[in-house]
C-alpha atoms as a PDB file:
ATOM      1  CA  MET A   1     -26.806   4.946   4.398  1.00  0.00           C
ATOM      2  CA  LYS A   2     -23.421   5.609   5.403  1.00  0.00           C
ATOM      3  CA  ILE A   3     -20.841   3.699   3.728  1.00  0.00           C
ATOM      4  CA  PHE A   4     -17.119   4.237   4.604  1.00  0.00           C
ATOM      5  CA  GLY A   5     -17.809   7.568   6.219  1.00  0.00           C
ATOM      6  CA  ALA A   6     -19.913   8.858   2.871  1.00  0.00           C
ATOM      7  CA  GLU A   7     -23.638   9.257   2.792  1.00  0.00           C
ATOM      8  CA  TYR A   8     -25.480   7.352  -0.166  1.00  0.00           C
ATOM      9  CA  ALA A   9     -29.209   7.472  -0.984  1.00  0.00           C
ATOM     10  CA  LEU A  10     -29.876   3.944  -1.760  1.00  0.00           C
ATOM     11  CA  LYS A  11     -33.019   2.689  -3.958  1.00  0.00           C
ATOM     12  CA  ALA A  12     -33.478  -0.954  -5.323  1.00  0.00           C
ATOM     13  CA  ASP A  13     -36.276  -3.375  -5.992  1.00  0.00           C
ATOM     14  CA  THR A  14     -35.675  -4.799  -2.641  1.00  0.00           C
ATOM     15  CA  SER A  15     -36.296  -4.211   0.911  1.00  0.00           C
ATOM     16  CA  ASP A  16     -35.024  -1.586   2.956  1.00  0.00           C
ATOM     17  CA  GLU A  17     -33.530  -4.137   5.332  1.00  0.00           C
ATOM     18  CA  TYR A  18     -31.838  -5.908   2.652  1.00  0.00           C
ATOM     19  CA  ILE A  19     -30.356  -2.653   1.429  1.00  0.00           C
ATOM     20  CA  LYS A  20     -29.294  -1.671   4.849  1.00  0.00           C
ATOM     21  CA  GLU A  21     -27.867  -5.312   5.442  1.00  0.00           C
ATOM     22  CA  THR A  22     -25.939  -4.947   2.079  1.00  0.00           C
ATOM     23  CA  ALA A  23     -24.638  -1.615   2.906  1.00  0.00           C
ATOM     24  CA  ILE A  24     -23.266  -2.660   6.177  1.00  0.00           C
ATOM     25  CA  TYR A  25     -21.460  -5.496   4.722  1.00  0.00           C
ATOM     26  CA  VAL A  26     -19.738  -3.070   2.274  1.00  0.00           C
ATOM     27  CA  ASP A  27     -18.830  -0.761   4.690  1.00  0.00           C
ATOM     28  CA  LYS A  28     -17.284  -3.468   7.161  1.00  0.00           C
ATOM     29  CA  VAL A  29     -15.378  -4.893   4.272  1.00  0.00           C
ATOM     30  CA  MET A  30     -14.122  -1.449   3.348  1.00  0.00           C
ATOM     31  CA  ASN A  31     -13.148  -0.610   7.082  1.00  0.00           C
ATOM     32  CA  ASP A  32     -11.404  -3.846   7.277  1.00  0.00           C
ATOM     33  CA  ILE A  33      -9.160  -3.417   4.205  1.00  0.00           C
ATOM     34  CA  ALA A  34      -8.735   0.286   5.385  1.00  0.00           C
ATOM     35  CA  SER A  35      -7.308  -0.882   8.725  1.00  0.00           C
ATOM     36  CA  LYS A  36      -4.762  -3.300   7.059  1.00  0.00           C
ATOM     37  CA  TYR A  37      -3.759  -0.840   4.353  1.00  0.00           C
ATOM     38  CA  GLN A  38      -3.867   2.298   6.281  1.00  0.00           C
ATOM     39  CA  GLU A  39      -1.888   4.454   3.674  1.00  0.00           C
ATOM     40  CA  GLN A  40      -4.420   3.724   0.585  1.00  0.00           C
ATOM     41  CA  SER A  41      -6.864   6.313  -1.036  1.00  0.00           C
ATOM     42  CA  ASP A  42     -10.559   5.681  -0.658  1.00  0.00           C
ATOM     43  CA  ALA A  43     -10.745   4.729  -4.309  1.00  0.00           C
ATOM     44  CA  ARG A  44      -8.024   1.890  -3.831  1.00  0.00           C
ATOM     45  CA  VAL A  45      -9.868   0.641  -0.873  1.00  0.00           C
ATOM     46  CA  ALA A  46     -13.062   0.607  -2.728  1.00  0.00           C
ATOM     47  CA  VAL A  47     -11.334  -1.386  -5.617  1.00  0.00           C
ATOM     48  CA  LEU A  48      -9.967  -3.779  -3.184  1.00  0.00           C
ATOM     49  CA  ALA A  49     -13.113  -4.112  -1.229  1.00  0.00           C
ATOM     50  CA  ALA A  50     -14.973  -4.876  -4.606  1.00  0.00           C
ATOM     51  CA  LEU A  51     -12.392  -7.522  -5.513  1.00  0.00           C
ATOM     52  CA  ASN A  52     -12.745  -9.247  -2.155  1.00  0.00           C
ATOM     53  CA  ILE A  53     -16.533  -9.252  -2.591  1.00  0.00           C
ATOM     54  CA  ALA A  54     -16.487 -10.647  -6.142  1.00  0.00           C
ATOM     55  CA  GLU A  55     -13.916 -13.275  -5.036  1.00  0.00           C
ATOM     56  CA  GLU A  56     -16.351 -14.334  -2.350  1.00  0.00           C
ATOM     57  CA  LEU A  57     -19.445 -14.464  -4.720  1.00  0.00           C
ATOM     58  CA  PHE A  58     -16.970 -16.424  -7.447  1.00  0.00           C
ATOM     59  CA  GLU A  59     -16.329 -18.776  -4.645  1.00  0.00           C
ATOM     60  CA  ALA A  60     -19.970 -19.050  -3.501  1.00  0.00           C
ATOM     61  CA  ARG A  61     -20.959 -19.844  -7.270  1.00  0.00           C
ATOM     62  CA  ARG A  62     -18.465 -22.242  -7.633  1.00  0.00           C
ATOM     63  CA  GLN A  63     -19.349 -24.308  -4.414  1.00  0.00           C
ATOM     64  CA  ALA A  64     -23.093 -24.007  -5.341  1.00  0.00           C
ATOM     65  CA  PRO A  65     -23.182 -26.834  -7.705  1.00  0.00           C
ATOM     66  CA  VAL A  66     -21.522 -29.283  -5.464  1.00  0.00           C
ATOM     67  CA  ASN A  67     -23.634 -28.206  -2.500  1.00  0.00           C
ATOM     68  CA  ILE A  68     -26.958 -28.711  -4.608  1.00  0.00           C
ATOM     69  CA  GLU A  69     -25.830 -32.230  -5.732  1.00  0.00           C
ATOM     70  CA  ALA A  70     -24.849 -33.258  -2.279  1.00  0.00           C
ATOM     71  CA  ARG A  71     -28.316 -32.214  -0.671  1.00  0.00           C
ATOM     72  CA  ALA A  72     -30.096 -33.871  -3.853  1.00  0.00           C
ATOM     73  CA  LEU A  73     -28.410 -37.142  -3.157  1.00  0.00           C
ATOM     74  CA  LYS A  74     -29.189 -36.836   0.422  1.00  0.00           C
ATOM     75  CA  ILE A  75     -32.551 -36.395  -0.346  1.00  0.00           C
ATOM     76  CA  ALA A  76     -32.651 -39.088  -2.591  1.00  0.00           C
ATOM     77  CA  ASP A  77     -31.212 -41.519   0.106  1.00  0.00           C
ATOM     78  CA  ILE A  78     -34.068 -40.279   2.605  1.00  0.00           C
ATOM     79  CA  LEU A  79     -36.817 -41.144  -0.067  1.00  0.00           C
ATOM     80  CA  ASN A  80     -35.350 -44.462  -1.125  1.00  0.00           C
ATOM     81  CA  ALA A  81     -35.150 -45.343   2.477  1.00  0.00           C
ATOM     82  CA  ALA A  82     -38.621 -44.318   3.137  1.00  0.00           C
ATOM     83  CA  LEU A  83     -39.853 -46.421   0.208  1.00  0.00           C
ATOM     84  CA  GLU A  84     -38.049 -49.381   1.008  1.00  0.00           C
ATOM     85  CA  ASP A  85     -40.051 -49.599   4.633  1.00  0.00           C
END
């Protein structure tokens, strides 16, 4: 896999397609950052990309309980309505 111009041999306990999708995403984030901050070293771009991806992860984790609770309440409403009929 090529990430930010460098070739990597990636192996994981997931499918090749998943690894490829992940590498493509990391490459995209790094290239987006590099285009905004053109004078930064590759290492700095990598750290900024890692921070952006970590922020996305933390935000998703923060919202997950809210999403799960909302879905559970909606399902409960549907089940209650079905049982009332």
